[in-house]
Amino acid sequence: MAALHPPVCDFGRPAIDFGLPGTDGRQHTLASCRGANGLLVMFICNHCPYVKAIIDRLVRDCRELTDDGIGCVAIMSNDFTAYPDDAPENMRRWAAEQDFPFPYLIDTSQEVARAYGAVCTPDFFGYNGKLELQYRGRLDASERTPGPGDARRELYEAMRNIAKTGRGPLEQRASIGCSIKWKAD
């Protein structure tokens, strides 16, 4: 399982609309997930060791970002037939265990992941209040294991700055993770 790095931020690229079911039994859209000052779209899954290494920090950061008017949403786009750990019932269980403060959505068709250009889990897309892309970087220095306890909170700091100024940092370090598990054509 080779680690992948997503491309650098395409500043200003508009967020892609979506309508996906969540683990909470409700349908969620771009409009219902956004905050007044922006939106963090995260492509994650249950089984990825890179996601597991950061999930506590990610939940903490998303919980705190709501105070800055940033909405957060996680999307699982893996082929769960081939990767049953990522099946909807396991998504519901994991979201409850981790007490996700954001909707956890399933992209069964994988169309949303393709539209966003997501390549790995985790893959982060940080938008400003106009839903223009301003961040495509990593959470922090964590990889397959959690980074040091005092690791700089790169995603959190970037999103707080986006909430205040509408602009993301010019320097961003790419996330790292497992490839999206695409369905065989």
C-alpha atoms as a PDB file:
ATOM      1  CA  MET A   1       0.000   0.000   0.000  1.00  0.00           C
ATOM      2  CA  ALA A   2       1.902   3.000  -1.308  1.00  0.00           C
ATOM      3  CA  ALA A   3       1.276   6.399   0.205  1.00  0.00           C
ATOM      4  CA  LEU A   4      -0.051   9.106  -2.069  1.00  0.00           C
ATOM      5  CA  HIS A   5       0.266  12.880  -1.911  1.00  0.00           C
ATOM      6  CA  PRO A   6      -2.472  15.074  -3.391  1.00  0.00           C
ATOM      7  CA  PRO A   7      -1.561  17.953  -5.720  1.00  0.00           C
ATOM      8  CA  VAL A   8      -0.966  21.472  -4.440  1.00  0.00           C
ATOM      9  CA  CYS A   9      -3.794  23.911  -3.845  1.00  0.00           C
ATOM     10  CA  ASP A  10      -5.594  25.244  -6.912  1.00  0.00           C
ATOM     11  CA  PHE A  11      -6.405  28.607  -5.280  1.00  0.00           C
ATOM     12  CA  GLY A  12      -9.857  29.950  -6.083  1.00  0.00           C
ATOM     13  CA  ARG A  13     -11.291  26.739  -7.553  1.00  0.00           C
ATOM     14  CA  PRO A  14     -14.998  26.668  -6.621  1.00  0.00           C
ATOM     15  CA  ALA A  15     -16.397  23.974  -4.340  1.00  0.00           C
ATOM     16  CA  ILE A  16     -18.374  21.273  -6.131  1.00  0.00           C
ATOM     17  CA  ASP A  17     -22.003  20.847  -5.113  1.00  0.00           C
ATOM     18  CA  PHE A  18     -23.085  17.462  -3.791  1.00  0.00           C
ATOM     19  CA  GLY A  19     -26.051  15.680  -2.273  1.00  0.00           C
ATOM     20  CA  LEU A  20     -25.058  12.617  -0.272  1.00  0.00           C
ATOM     21  CA  PRO A  21     -26.563  10.482   2.483  1.00  0.00           C
ATOM     22  CA  GLY A  22     -24.964  10.666   5.917  1.00  0.00           C
ATOM     23  CA  THR A  23     -24.496   8.171   8.707  1.00  0.00           C
ATOM     24  CA  ASP A  24     -27.173  10.186  10.540  1.00  0.00           C
ATOM     25  CA  GLY A  25     -29.812   9.074   7.998  1.00  0.00           C
ATOM     26  CA  ARG A  26     -30.138  12.559   6.488  1.00  0.00           C
ATOM     27  CA  GLN A  27     -29.236  13.901   3.040  1.00  0.00           C
ATOM     28  CA  HIS A  28     -26.496  16.573   3.114  1.00  0.00           C
ATOM     29  CA  THR A  29     -25.538  19.151   0.491  1.00  0.00           C
ATOM     30  CA  LEU A  30     -22.801  21.693   0.015  1.00  0.00           C
ATOM     31  CA  ALA A  31     -25.199  24.386   1.231  1.00  0.00           C
ATOM     32  CA  SER A  32     -26.220  22.467   4.356  1.00  0.00           C
ATOM     33  CA  CYS A  33     -22.601  21.760   5.370  1.00  0.00           C
ATOM     34  CA  ARG A  34     -20.969  25.146   4.827  1.00  0.00           C
ATOM     35  CA  GLY A  35     -20.373  27.638   7.594  1.00  0.00           C
ATOM     36  CA  ALA A  36     -20.653  31.414   7.343  1.00  0.00           C
ATOM     37  CA  ASN A  37     -16.880  31.742   6.937  1.00  0.00           C
ATOM     38  CA  GLY A  38     -16.032  28.616   4.970  1.00  0.00           C
ATOM     39  CA  LEU A  39     -16.112  24.869   4.621  1.00  0.00           C
ATOM     40  CA  LEU A  40     -13.670  22.039   5.175  1.00  0.00           C
ATOM     41  CA  VAL A  41     -14.371  19.041   2.918  1.00  0.00           C
ATOM     42  CA  MET A  42     -12.478  15.948   4.069  1.00  0.00           C
ATOM     43  CA  PHE A  43     -12.156  12.655   2.227  1.00  0.00           C
ATOM     44  CA  ILE A  44     -11.576   9.983   4.868  1.00  0.00           C
ATOM     45  CA  CYS A  45     -12.422   6.340   5.512  1.00  0.00           C
ATOM     46  CA  ASN A  46     -12.550   3.926   8.430  1.00  0.00           C
ATOM     47  CA  HIS A  47      -9.729   1.525   7.601  1.00  0.00           C
ATOM     48  CA  CYS A  48      -6.873   3.824   6.527  1.00  0.00           C
ATOM     49  CA  PRO A  49      -3.949   3.902   9.002  1.00  0.00           C
ATOM     50  CA  TYR A  50      -3.231   7.536   8.065  1.00  0.00           C
ATOM     51  CA  VAL A  51      -6.783   8.544   9.006  1.00  0.00           C
ATOM     52  CA  LYS A  52      -6.714   6.451  12.178  1.00  0.00           C
ATOM     53  CA  ALA A  53      -3.475   8.188  13.206  1.00  0.00           C
ATOM     54  CA  ILE A  54      -5.095  11.645  13.087  1.00  0.00           C
ATOM     55  CA  ILE A  55      -8.769  11.079  13.857  1.00  0.00           C
ATOM     56  CA  ASP A  56      -8.602  12.381  17.448  1.00  0.00           C
ATOM     57  CA  ARG A  57      -6.863  15.573  16.306  1.00  0.00           C
ATOM     58  CA  LEU A  58      -9.202  15.963  13.341  1.00  0.00           C
ATOM     59  CA  VAL A  59     -12.305  15.695  15.544  1.00  0.00           C
ATOM     60  CA  ARG A  60     -10.789  18.222  17.993  1.00  0.00           C
ATOM     61  CA  ASP A  61      -9.913  20.687  15.230  1.00  0.00           C
ATOM     62  CA  CYS A  62     -13.308  20.434  13.523  1.00  0.00           C
ATOM     63  CA  ARG A  63     -15.080  20.921  16.831  1.00  0.00           C
ATOM     64  CA  GLU A  64     -13.043  24.099  17.449  1.00  0.00           C
ATOM     65  CA  LEU A  65     -13.421  25.408  13.874  1.00  0.00           C
ATOM     66  CA  THR A  66     -17.188  25.668  14.249  1.00  0.00           C
ATOM     67  CA  ASP A  67     -16.543  28.604  16.626  1.00  0.00           C
ATOM     68  CA  ASP A  68     -14.865  30.370  13.679  1.00  0.00           C
ATOM     69  CA  GLY A  69     -17.822  29.823  11.352  1.00  0.00           C
ATOM     70  CA  ILE A  70     -16.223  26.955   9.456  1.00  0.00           C
ATOM     71  CA  GLY A  71     -18.471  24.048   8.506  1.00  0.00           C
ATOM     72  CA  CYS A  72     -16.884  20.615   8.235  1.00  0.00           C
ATOM     73  CA  VAL A  73     -17.957  17.502   6.349  1.00  0.00           C
ATOM     74  CA  ALA A  74     -16.292  14.112   5.848  1.00  0.00           C
ATOM     75  CA  ILE A  75     -16.920  12.000   2.745  1.00  0.00           C
ATOM     76  CA  MET A  76     -16.115   8.309   2.359  1.00  0.00           C
ATOM     77  CA  SER A  77     -15.702   7.379  -1.311  1.00  0.00           C
ATOM     78  CA  ASN A  78     -13.984   3.988  -1.147  1.00  0.00           C
ATOM     79  CA  ASP A  79     -15.413   0.879  -2.817  1.00  0.00           C
ATOM     80  CA  PHE A  80     -16.826  -0.689   0.351  1.00  0.00           C
ATOM     81  CA  THR A  81     -17.660  -3.934  -1.464  1.00  0.00           C
ATOM     82  CA  ALA A  82     -13.927  -4.529  -1.786  1.00  0.00           C
ATOM     83  CA  TYR A  83     -13.161  -2.855   1.581  1.00  0.00           C
ATOM     84  CA  PRO A  84     -15.985  -3.892   3.964  1.00  0.00           C
ATOM     85  CA  ASP A  85     -14.446  -1.982   6.909  1.00  0.00           C
ATOM     86  CA  ASP A  86     -15.710   1.112   5.065  1.00  0.00           C
ATOM     87  CA  ALA A  87     -19.300  -0.167   4.647  1.00  0.00           C
ATOM     88  CA  PRO A  88     -22.117   2.152   5.788  1.00  0.00           C
ATOM     89  CA  GLU A  89     -22.865   0.230   9.006  1.00  0.00           C
ATOM     90  CA  ASN A  90     -19.190   0.458   9.989  1.00  0.00           C
ATOM     91  CA  MET A  91     -19.164   4.172   9.098  1.00  0.00           C
ATOM     92  CA  ARG A  92     -22.146   4.723  11.449  1.00  0.00           C
ATOM     93  CA  ARG A  93     -20.433   2.816  14.247  1.00  0.00           C
ATOM     94  CA  TRP A  94     -17.117   4.648  13.854  1.00  0.00           C
ATOM     95  CA  ALA A  95     -18.766   8.090  13.624  1.00  0.00           C
ATOM     96  CA  ALA A  96     -20.599   7.356  16.890  1.00  0.00           C
ATOM     97  CA  GLU A  97     -17.494   5.961  18.620  1.00  0.00           C
ATOM     98  CA  GLN A  98     -15.429   9.005  17.624  1.00  0.00           C
ATOM     99  CA  ASP A  99     -18.312  11.432  18.310  1.00  0.00           C
ATOM    100  CA  PHE A 100     -17.898  13.152  14.942  1.00  0.00           C
ATOM    101  CA  PRO A 101     -18.982  16.814  15.156  1.00  0.00           C
ATOM    102  CA  PHE A 102     -19.529  16.797  11.379  1.00  0.00           C
ATOM    103  CA  PRO A 103     -21.653  14.816   8.917  1.00  0.00           C
ATOM    104  CA  TYR A 104     -20.001  11.630   7.633  1.00  0.00           C
ATOM    105  CA  LEU A 105     -21.263  11.013   4.102  1.00  0.00           C
ATOM    106  CA  ILE A 106     -21.056   8.083   1.719  1.00  0.00           C
ATOM    107  CA  ASP A 107     -20.177   8.681  -1.931  1.00  0.00           C
ATOM    108  CA  THR A 108     -21.269   5.304  -3.304  1.00  0.00           C
ATOM    109  CA  SER A 109     -20.958   6.374  -6.951  1.00  0.00           C
ATOM    110  CA  GLN A 110     -17.538   7.951  -6.273  1.00  0.00           C
ATOM    111  CA  GLU A 111     -18.646  10.900  -8.448  1.00  0.00           C
ATOM    112  CA  VAL A 112     -18.046  13.474  -5.707  1.00  0.00           C
ATOM    113  CA  ALA A 113     -14.486  12.273  -5.075  1.00  0.00           C
ATOM    114  CA  ARG A 114     -13.763  12.388  -8.800  1.00  0.00           C
ATOM    115  CA  ALA A 115     -15.285  15.879  -9.141  1.00  0.00           C
ATOM    116  CA  TYR A 116     -13.144  17.189  -6.287  1.00  0.00           C
ATOM    117  CA  GLY A 117     -10.034  15.424  -7.551  1.00  0.00           C
ATOM    118  CA  ALA A 118      -9.560  13.562  -4.260  1.00  0.00           C
ATOM    119  CA  VAL A 119      -6.714  11.075  -4.435  1.00  0.00           C
ATOM    120  CA  CYS A 120      -6.149   9.776  -0.927  1.00  0.00           C
ATOM    121  CA  THR A 121      -7.457   9.451   2.602  1.00  0.00           C
ATOM    122  CA  PRO A 122      -7.153  11.855   4.229  1.00  0.00           C
ATOM    123  CA  ASP A 123      -7.457  14.552   1.568  1.00  0.00           C
ATOM    124  CA  PHE A 124      -8.489  18.034   2.764  1.00  0.00           C
ATOM    125  CA  PHE A 125     -10.132  20.851   0.790  1.00  0.00           C
ATOM    126  CA  GLY A 126     -10.465  24.150   2.689  1.00  0.00           C
ATOM    127  CA  TYR A 127     -12.820  26.779   1.265  1.00  0.00           C
ATOM    128  CA  ASN A 128     -13.470  30.378   2.236  1.00  0.00           C
ATOM    129  CA  GLY A 129     -16.892  31.967   2.731  1.00  0.00           C
ATOM    130  CA  LYS A 130     -17.255  32.359  -1.063  1.00  0.00           C
ATOM    131  CA  LEU A 131     -16.523  28.618  -1.409  1.00  0.00           C
ATOM    132  CA  GLU A 132     -13.209  29.260  -3.179  1.00  0.00           C
ATOM    133  CA  LEU A 133     -10.452  26.733  -2.495  1.00  0.00           C
ATOM    134  CA  GLN A 134      -7.772  28.134  -0.196  1.00  0.00           C
ATOM    135  CA  TYR A 135      -6.187  25.060   1.400  1.00  0.00           C
ATOM    136  CA  ARG A 136      -5.155  21.612   0.165  1.00  0.00           C
ATOM    137  CA  GLY A 137      -2.632  20.574   2.763  1.00  0.00           C
ATOM    138  CA  ARG A 138      -2.108  18.215   5.641  1.00  0.00           C
ATOM    139  CA  LEU A 139      -3.562  18.200   9.133  1.00  0.00           C
ATOM    140  CA  ASP A 140      -0.133  18.223  10.779  1.00  0.00           C
ATOM    141  CA  ALA A 141       3.151  16.273  10.729  1.00  0.00           C
ATOM    142  CA  SER A 142       1.378  12.951  11.383  1.00  0.00           C
ATOM    143  CA  GLU A 143       1.732  10.132   8.896  1.00  0.00           C
ATOM    144  CA  ARG A 144       0.926   6.452   9.583  1.00  0.00           C
ATOM    145  CA  THR A 145       1.453   7.213  13.263  1.00  0.00           C
ATOM    146  CA  PRO A 146       0.448  10.355  15.152  1.00  0.00           C
ATOM    147  CA  GLY A 147       2.929  13.207  14.965  1.00  0.00           C
ATOM    148  CA  PRO A 148       4.458  14.681  18.109  1.00  0.00           C
ATOM    149  CA  GLY A 149       2.034  16.086  20.667  1.00  0.00           C
ATOM    150  CA  ASP A 150       3.309  19.594  20.010  1.00  0.00           C
ATOM    151  CA  ALA A 151       3.014  19.305  16.203  1.00  0.00           C
ATOM    152  CA  ARG A 152       1.940  22.520  14.523  1.00  0.00           C
ATOM    153  CA  ARG A 153      -1.799  22.440  13.744  1.00  0.00           C
ATOM    154  CA  GLU A 154      -1.388  23.340  10.062  1.00  0.00           C
ATOM    155  CA  LEU A 155      -4.952  22.645   8.880  1.00  0.00           C
ATOM    156  CA  TYR A 156      -6.525  24.301  11.922  1.00  0.00           C
ATOM    157  CA  GLU A 157      -4.354  27.414  11.615  1.00  0.00           C
ATOM    158  CA  ALA A 158      -5.011  27.657   7.868  1.00  0.00           C
ATOM    159  CA  MET A 159      -8.787  27.335   8.298  1.00  0.00           C
ATOM    160  CA  ARG A 160      -8.864  29.906  11.123  1.00  0.00           C
ATOM    161  CA  ASN A 161      -6.957  32.324   8.888  1.00  0.00           C
ATOM    162  CA  ILE A 162      -9.348  31.596   6.008  1.00  0.00           C
ATOM    163  CA  ALA A 163     -12.281  32.320   8.334  1.00  0.00           C
ATOM    164  CA  LYS A 164     -10.763  35.707   9.247  1.00  0.00           C
ATOM    165  CA  THR A 165      -9.262  36.845   5.920  1.00  0.00           C
ATOM    166  CA  GLY A 166     -10.774  34.641   3.212  1.00  0.00           C
ATOM    167  CA  ARG A 167      -7.287  33.553   2.140  1.00  0.00           C
ATOM    168  CA  GLY A 168      -5.217  30.462   2.798  1.00  0.00           C
ATOM    169  CA  PRO A 169      -1.461  30.265   3.350  1.00  0.00           C
ATOM    170  CA  LEU A 170       0.722  30.390   0.253  1.00  0.00           C
ATOM    171  CA  GLU A 171       2.935  27.622   1.645  1.00  0.00           C
ATOM    172  CA  GLN A 172       1.140  24.337   2.210  1.00  0.00           C
ATOM    173  CA  ARG A 173       2.478  20.849   2.804  1.00  0.00           C
ATOM    174  CA  ALA A 174       0.550  18.102   1.026  1.00  0.00           C
ATOM    175  CA  SER A 175      -1.398  15.540   2.978  1.00  0.00           C
ATOM    176  CA  ILE A 176      -0.306  11.923   2.794  1.00  0.00           C
ATOM    177  CA  GLY A 177      -2.493   8.852   2.843  1.00  0.00           C
ATOM    178  CA  CYS A 178      -3.829   5.702   1.246  1.00  0.00           C
ATOM    179  CA  SER A 179      -5.243   5.875  -2.255  1.00  0.00           C
ATOM    180  CA  ILE A 180      -8.981   6.159  -2.748  1.00  0.00           C
ATOM    181  CA  LYS A 181     -10.190   2.610  -3.424  1.00  0.00           C
ATOM    182  CA  TRP A 182     -11.821   3.076  -6.826  1.00  0.00           C
ATOM    183  CA  LYS A 183     -14.349   0.603  -8.166  1.00  0.00           C
ATOM    184  CA  ALA A 184     -13.210  -1.581 -11.031  1.00  0.00           C
ATOM    185  CA  ASP A 185     -14.721  -0.357 -14.301  1.00  0.00           C
END
